[in-house]
Amino acid sequence: MKHFLPNGDELIIRPPGINDAAALLACFQRLTRETDYLLFTPQESLELDVPSEEDYIQSYIDNPYQLLLVAVVNDRIIGSVNLNHSGLQKKGHTVEMGIAVESEWNNMGIGRRLITAMLRWADEKPWLHLIYLHVFSPNEKAMQLYRNFGFMECGRLPQSIRQKNGSYADLVTMYRQVKPLP
């Protein structure tokens, strides 16, 4: 999918290929340095390597119950959205969502476009009824974006995230029903 950003740059949203492993890993490592709203620390992200990222991408390619999309601007991966299926029968109708966009590209509608593309994929899956996610409680901007797409808060794990400044944040669970259960 091609879109134009407010600054005139072209945004492409697409599934990654194995050849995107180094660029996707570099994006993730940049993200861990920019924000404290990801579970990985910058140090932990440096423990990842290109072969493990290739395996990560391949796991999405091989699994029709999962989705990985990247956001590309000027031939650079600047964000992604993913849906992970647990593989467990009792949770077979659910997926967990993750999303991140580099701060340089915030406030340009990229997160909204990634979620829109993800929801289009989800709507086409007859087995998929519920998408859920976890977000750090101080990340109100992200929570508002999710609310705009119909996600609702359904729980909090109090003070379960220790941030780099030493403070603690709640881990908020949100969900969106894709379609009603039969």
C-alpha atoms as a PDB file:
ATOM      1  CA  MET A   1       0.000   0.000   0.000  1.00  0.00           C
ATOM      2  CA  LYS A   2       1.296   3.432  -0.914  1.00  0.00           C
ATOM      3  CA  HIS A   3       0.344   6.595   0.945  1.00  0.00           C
ATOM      4  CA  PHE A   4       1.623  10.155   0.972  1.00  0.00           C
ATOM      5  CA  LEU A   5       2.659  11.760   4.241  1.00  0.00           C
ATOM      6  CA  PRO A   6       1.966  15.395   5.175  1.00  0.00           C
ATOM      7  CA  ASN A   7       5.616  16.219   4.401  1.00  0.00           C
ATOM      8  CA  GLY A   8       5.222  14.829   0.854  1.00  0.00           C
ATOM      9  CA  ASP A   9       7.221  11.634   1.432  1.00  0.00           C
ATOM     10  CA  GLU A  10       5.808   8.356   0.183  1.00  0.00           C
ATOM     11  CA  LEU A  11       4.909   5.733   2.793  1.00  0.00           C
ATOM     12  CA  ILE A  12       4.779   2.086   1.758  1.00  0.00           C
ATOM     13  CA  ILE A  13       3.178  -0.502   4.035  1.00  0.00           C
ATOM     14  CA  ARG A  14       4.041  -4.075   3.107  1.00  0.00           C
ATOM     15  CA  PRO A  15       5.011  -7.454   4.514  1.00  0.00           C
ATOM     16  CA  PRO A  16       8.778  -7.781   4.959  1.00  0.00           C
ATOM     17  CA  GLY A  17      10.951 -10.260   3.120  1.00  0.00           C
ATOM     18  CA  ILE A  18      13.934 -12.099   4.555  1.00  0.00           C
ATOM     19  CA  ASN A  19      16.163  -9.526   2.848  1.00  0.00           C
ATOM     20  CA  ASP A  20      14.640  -6.878   5.190  1.00  0.00           C
ATOM     21  CA  ALA A  21      16.095  -8.515   8.316  1.00  0.00           C
ATOM     22  CA  ALA A  22      19.028  -6.129   8.806  1.00  0.00           C
ATOM     23  CA  ALA A  23      16.858  -3.044   8.209  1.00  0.00           C
ATOM     24  CA  LEU A  24      14.067  -4.280  10.505  1.00  0.00           C
ATOM     25  CA  LEU A  25      16.573  -5.058  13.240  1.00  0.00           C
ATOM     26  CA  ALA A  26      18.199  -1.622  12.852  1.00  0.00           C
ATOM     27  CA  CYS A  27      14.768  -0.001  13.140  1.00  0.00           C
ATOM     28  CA  PHE A  28      13.980  -1.974  16.298  1.00  0.00           C
ATOM     29  CA  GLN A  29      17.322  -1.056  17.849  1.00  0.00           C
ATOM     30  CA  ARG A  30      16.715   2.641  17.059  1.00  0.00           C
ATOM     31  CA  LEU A  31      13.244   2.388  18.624  1.00  0.00           C
ATOM     32  CA  THR A  32      14.616   0.958  21.878  1.00  0.00           C
ATOM     33  CA  ARG A  33      16.971   3.951  22.129  1.00  0.00           C
ATOM     34  CA  GLU A  34      14.177   6.476  21.415  1.00  0.00           C
ATOM     35  CA  THR A  35      11.417   5.306  23.712  1.00  0.00           C
ATOM     36  CA  ASP A  36      10.915   3.724  27.084  1.00  0.00           C
ATOM     37  CA  TYR A  37       7.561   2.290  25.928  1.00  0.00           C
ATOM     38  CA  LEU A  38       8.976  -0.999  24.594  1.00  0.00           C
ATOM     39  CA  LEU A  39       9.741  -4.026  26.752  1.00  0.00           C
ATOM     40  CA  PHE A  40      13.262  -4.417  25.338  1.00  0.00           C
ATOM     41  CA  THR A  41      16.006  -2.130  26.609  1.00  0.00           C
ATOM     42  CA  PRO A  42      18.591  -0.794  24.138  1.00  0.00           C
ATOM     43  CA  GLN A  43      21.135  -3.215  25.615  1.00  0.00           C
ATOM     44  CA  GLU A  44      18.796  -6.182  25.174  1.00  0.00           C
ATOM     45  CA  SER A  45      18.078  -5.213  21.566  1.00  0.00           C
ATOM     46  CA  LEU A  46      21.813  -5.323  20.819  1.00  0.00           C
ATOM     47  CA  GLU A  47      21.806  -9.019  21.733  1.00  0.00           C
ATOM     48  CA  LEU A  48      19.669  -9.696  18.650  1.00  0.00           C
ATOM     49  CA  ASP A  49      21.370 -10.415  15.341  1.00  0.00           C
ATOM     50  CA  VAL A  50      20.471 -10.599  11.653  1.00  0.00           C
ATOM     51  CA  PRO A  51      20.080 -14.408  11.577  1.00  0.00           C
ATOM     52  CA  SER A  52      17.599 -14.255  14.494  1.00  0.00           C
ATOM     53  CA  GLU A  53      15.744 -11.448  12.716  1.00  0.00           C
ATOM     54  CA  GLU A  54      15.605 -13.561   9.554  1.00  0.00           C
ATOM     55  CA  ASP A  55      14.056 -16.358  11.628  1.00  0.00           C
ATOM     56  CA  TYR A  56      11.617 -13.851  13.127  1.00  0.00           C
ATOM     57  CA  ILE A  57      10.472 -12.691   9.680  1.00  0.00           C
ATOM     58  CA  GLN A  58      10.304 -16.269   8.385  1.00  0.00           C
ATOM     59  CA  SER A  59       8.038 -17.220  11.303  1.00  0.00           C
ATOM     60  CA  TYR A  60       5.475 -14.700  10.034  1.00  0.00           C
ATOM     61  CA  ILE A  61       5.857 -15.772   6.420  1.00  0.00           C
ATOM     62  CA  ASP A  62       5.266 -19.403   7.412  1.00  0.00           C
ATOM     63  CA  ASN A  63       2.278 -18.808   9.696  1.00  0.00           C
ATOM     64  CA  PRO A  64      -1.040 -17.776   8.108  1.00  0.00           C
ATOM     65  CA  TYR A  65      -2.382 -16.936  11.572  1.00  0.00           C
ATOM     66  CA  GLN A  66       0.156 -14.151  12.096  1.00  0.00           C
ATOM     67  CA  LEU A  67       0.865 -10.830  10.415  1.00  0.00           C
ATOM     68  CA  LEU A  68       3.904  -8.602  10.163  1.00  0.00           C
ATOM     69  CA  LEU A  69       3.823  -5.359   8.184  1.00  0.00           C
ATOM     70  CA  VAL A  70       6.579  -2.763   7.877  1.00  0.00           C
ATOM     71  CA  ALA A  71       6.310   0.958   7.210  1.00  0.00           C
ATOM     72  CA  VAL A  72       8.909   2.149   4.702  1.00  0.00           C
ATOM     73  CA  VAL A  73       9.783   5.770   3.898  1.00  0.00           C
ATOM     74  CA  ASN A  74      12.635   6.700   1.555  1.00  0.00           C
ATOM     75  CA  ASP A  75      13.667   3.017   1.356  1.00  0.00           C
ATOM     76  CA  ARG A  76      14.078   2.853   5.152  1.00  0.00           C
ATOM     77  CA  ILE A  77      11.973   0.779   7.558  1.00  0.00           C
ATOM     78  CA  ILE A  78      10.668   3.228  10.157  1.00  0.00           C
ATOM     79  CA  GLY A  79       8.024   1.165  11.925  1.00  0.00           C
ATOM     80  CA  SER A  80       5.974  -2.002  12.006  1.00  0.00           C
ATOM     81  CA  VAL A  81       2.815  -3.655  13.247  1.00  0.00           C
ATOM     82  CA  ASN A  82       2.442  -7.323  14.085  1.00  0.00           C
ATOM     83  CA  LEU A  83      -0.232  -9.760  15.164  1.00  0.00           C
ATOM     84  CA  ASN A  84       0.919 -12.827  17.065  1.00  0.00           C
ATOM     85  CA  HIS A  85      -1.170 -15.966  17.401  1.00  0.00           C
ATOM     86  CA  SER A  86      -0.385 -18.101  20.434  1.00  0.00           C
ATOM     87  CA  GLY A  87      -0.862 -21.395  18.607  1.00  0.00           C
ATOM     88  CA  LEU A  88      -3.046 -22.557  21.480  1.00  0.00           C
ATOM     89  CA  GLN A  89      -6.452 -23.952  20.589  1.00  0.00           C
ATOM     90  CA  LYS A  90      -8.236 -22.247  23.483  1.00  0.00           C
ATOM     91  CA  LYS A  91      -6.909 -18.868  22.297  1.00  0.00           C
ATOM     92  CA  GLY A  92      -7.254 -19.728  18.617  1.00  0.00           C
ATOM     93  CA  HIS A  93      -9.694 -16.887  17.958  1.00  0.00           C
ATOM     94  CA  THR A  94      -7.344 -14.196  19.351  1.00  0.00           C
ATOM     95  CA  VAL A  95      -4.119 -12.432  18.399  1.00  0.00           C
ATOM     96  CA  GLU A  96      -1.842 -10.023  20.259  1.00  0.00           C
ATOM     97  CA  MET A  97      -0.893  -6.784  18.541  1.00  0.00           C
ATOM     98  CA  GLY A  98       2.364  -4.851  18.710  1.00  0.00           C
ATOM     99  CA  ILE A  99       3.171  -1.592  16.934  1.00  0.00           C
ATOM    100  CA  ALA A 100       5.982   0.956  16.918  1.00  0.00           C
ATOM    101  CA  VAL A 101       6.988   3.926  14.755  1.00  0.00           C
ATOM    102  CA  GLU A 102      10.250   5.839  15.025  1.00  0.00           C
ATOM    103  CA  SER A 103       9.835   9.190  16.785  1.00  0.00           C
ATOM    104  CA  GLU A 104      11.079  11.169  13.768  1.00  0.00           C
ATOM    105  CA  TRP A 105       7.927  10.001  11.975  1.00  0.00           C
ATOM    106  CA  ASN A 106       5.402  10.556  14.781  1.00  0.00           C
ATOM    107  CA  ASN A 107       2.301  12.682  14.152  1.00  0.00           C
ATOM    108  CA  MET A 108       2.193  11.868  10.436  1.00  0.00           C
ATOM    109  CA  GLY A 109      -0.545   9.241  10.539  1.00  0.00           C
ATOM    110  CA  ILE A 110       1.791   6.259  10.122  1.00  0.00           C
ATOM    111  CA  GLY A 111       0.519   4.416  13.187  1.00  0.00           C
ATOM    112  CA  ARG A 112      -3.054   5.004  12.034  1.00  0.00           C
ATOM    113  CA  ARG A 113      -2.234   3.647   8.581  1.00  0.00           C
ATOM    114  CA  LEU A 114      -0.462   0.596  10.020  1.00  0.00           C
ATOM    115  CA  ILE A 115      -3.461  -0.192  12.228  1.00  0.00           C
ATOM    116  CA  THR A 116      -5.853   0.311   9.304  1.00  0.00           C
ATOM    117  CA  ALA A 117      -3.857  -2.134   7.152  1.00  0.00           C
ATOM    118  CA  MET A 118      -3.705  -4.620  10.037  1.00  0.00           C
ATOM    119  CA  LEU A 119      -7.466  -4.394  10.631  1.00  0.00           C
ATOM    120  CA  ARG A 120      -8.166  -4.998   6.937  1.00  0.00           C
ATOM    121  CA  TRP A 121      -6.143  -8.212   7.193  1.00  0.00           C
ATOM    122  CA  ALA A 122      -7.937  -9.170  10.418  1.00  0.00           C
ATOM    123  CA  ASP A 123     -11.380  -8.563   8.904  1.00  0.00           C
ATOM    124  CA  GLU A 124     -10.621 -11.136   6.195  1.00  0.00           C
ATOM    125  CA  LYS A 125      -9.851 -13.914   8.692  1.00  0.00           C
ATOM    126  CA  PRO A 126     -13.025 -15.829   9.592  1.00  0.00           C
ATOM    127  CA  TRP A 127     -11.358 -17.440  12.614  1.00  0.00           C
ATOM    128  CA  LEU A 128     -10.222 -14.115  14.167  1.00  0.00           C
ATOM    129  CA  HIS A 129     -12.590 -12.542  16.673  1.00  0.00           C
ATOM    130  CA  LEU A 130     -10.441 -10.570  19.127  1.00  0.00           C
ATOM    131  CA  ILE A 131      -7.256  -8.480  19.010  1.00  0.00           C
ATOM    132  CA  TYR A 132      -5.594  -7.479  22.259  1.00  0.00           C
ATOM    133  CA  LEU A 133      -2.518  -5.470  23.174  1.00  0.00           C
ATOM    134  CA  HIS A 134      -0.518  -4.245  26.125  1.00  0.00           C
ATOM    135  CA  VAL A 135       0.535  -0.616  26.506  1.00  0.00           C
ATOM    136  CA  PHE A 136       2.432   1.242  29.230  1.00  0.00           C
ATOM    137  CA  SER A 137       0.075   3.515  31.194  1.00  0.00           C
ATOM    138  CA  PRO A 138       2.088   6.738  30.627  1.00  0.00           C
ATOM    139  CA  ASN A 139       1.722   6.256  26.847  1.00  0.00           C
ATOM    140  CA  GLU A 140      -1.598   8.088  26.701  1.00  0.00           C
ATOM    141  CA  LYS A 141      -1.086   9.117  23.087  1.00  0.00           C
ATOM    142  CA  ALA A 142      -0.923   5.474  21.987  1.00  0.00           C
ATOM    143  CA  MET A 143      -3.910   4.549  24.140  1.00  0.00           C
ATOM    144  CA  GLN A 144      -5.939   7.326  22.509  1.00  0.00           C
ATOM    145  CA  LEU A 145      -4.977   6.040  19.052  1.00  0.00           C
ATOM    146  CA  TYR A 146      -6.133   2.563  20.036  1.00  0.00           C
ATOM    147  CA  ARG A 147      -9.395   3.967  21.450  1.00  0.00           C
ATOM    148  CA  ASN A 148      -9.965   5.760  18.141  1.00  0.00           C
ATOM    149  CA  PHE A 149      -9.931   2.317  16.488  1.00  0.00           C
ATOM    150  CA  GLY A 150     -12.412   0.863  18.971  1.00  0.00           C
ATOM    151  CA  PHE A 151      -9.976  -0.733  21.432  1.00  0.00           C
ATOM    152  CA  MET A 152     -11.183  -0.694  25.029  1.00  0.00           C
ATOM    153  CA  GLU A 153      -9.255  -1.031  28.253  1.00  0.00           C
ATOM    154  CA  CYS A 154     -10.034  -4.258  30.071  1.00  0.00           C
ATOM    155  CA  GLY A 155      -7.382  -4.457  32.779  1.00  0.00           C
ATOM    156  CA  ARG A 156      -4.185  -3.236  34.367  1.00  0.00           C
ATOM    157  CA  LEU A 157      -1.241  -4.942  35.973  1.00  0.00           C
ATOM    158  CA  PRO A 158      -0.239  -2.293  38.536  1.00  0.00           C
ATOM    159  CA  GLN A 159       3.360  -1.105  38.669  1.00  0.00           C
ATOM    160  CA  SER A 160       4.531  -4.033  36.554  1.00  0.00           C
ATOM    161  CA  ILE A 161       6.850  -2.020  34.295  1.00  0.00           C
ATOM    162  CA  ARG A 162      10.034  -0.504  35.695  1.00  0.00           C
ATOM    163  CA  GLN A 163      11.066   2.391  33.498  1.00  0.00           C
ATOM    164  CA  LYS A 164      14.629   3.541  32.962  1.00  0.00           C
ATOM    165  CA  ASN A 165      14.151   6.536  35.287  1.00  0.00           C
ATOM    166  CA  GLY A 166      13.308   4.111  38.111  1.00  0.00           C
ATOM    167  CA  SER A 167       9.587   4.852  38.194  1.00  0.00           C
ATOM    168  CA  TYR A 168       6.948   2.164  37.795  1.00  0.00           C
ATOM    169  CA  ALA A 169       4.069   2.115  35.338  1.00  0.00           C
ATOM    170  CA  ASP A 170       0.966  -0.009  34.947  1.00  0.00           C
ATOM    171  CA  LEU A 171       0.734  -2.408  32.025  1.00  0.00           C
ATOM    172  CA  VAL A 172      -2.668  -1.724  30.444  1.00  0.00           C
ATOM    173  CA  THR A 173      -4.491  -4.404  28.459  1.00  0.00           C
ATOM    174  CA  MET A 174      -6.787  -3.251  25.674  1.00  0.00           C
ATOM    175  CA  TYR A 175      -8.864  -5.250  23.215  1.00  0.00           C
ATOM    176  CA  ARG A 176     -10.996  -4.872  20.108  1.00  0.00           C
ATOM    177  CA  GLN A 177     -13.598  -7.317  18.909  1.00  0.00           C
ATOM    178  CA  VAL A 178     -13.039  -7.948  15.193  1.00  0.00           C
ATOM    179  CA  LYS A 179     -16.307  -9.775  14.725  1.00  0.00           C
ATOM    180  CA  PRO A 180     -18.858 -11.341  17.066  1.00  0.00           C
ATOM    181  CA  LEU A 181     -18.344 -14.868  18.277  1.00  0.00           C
ATOM    182  CA  PRO A 182     -20.619 -17.418  16.616  1.00  0.00           C
END
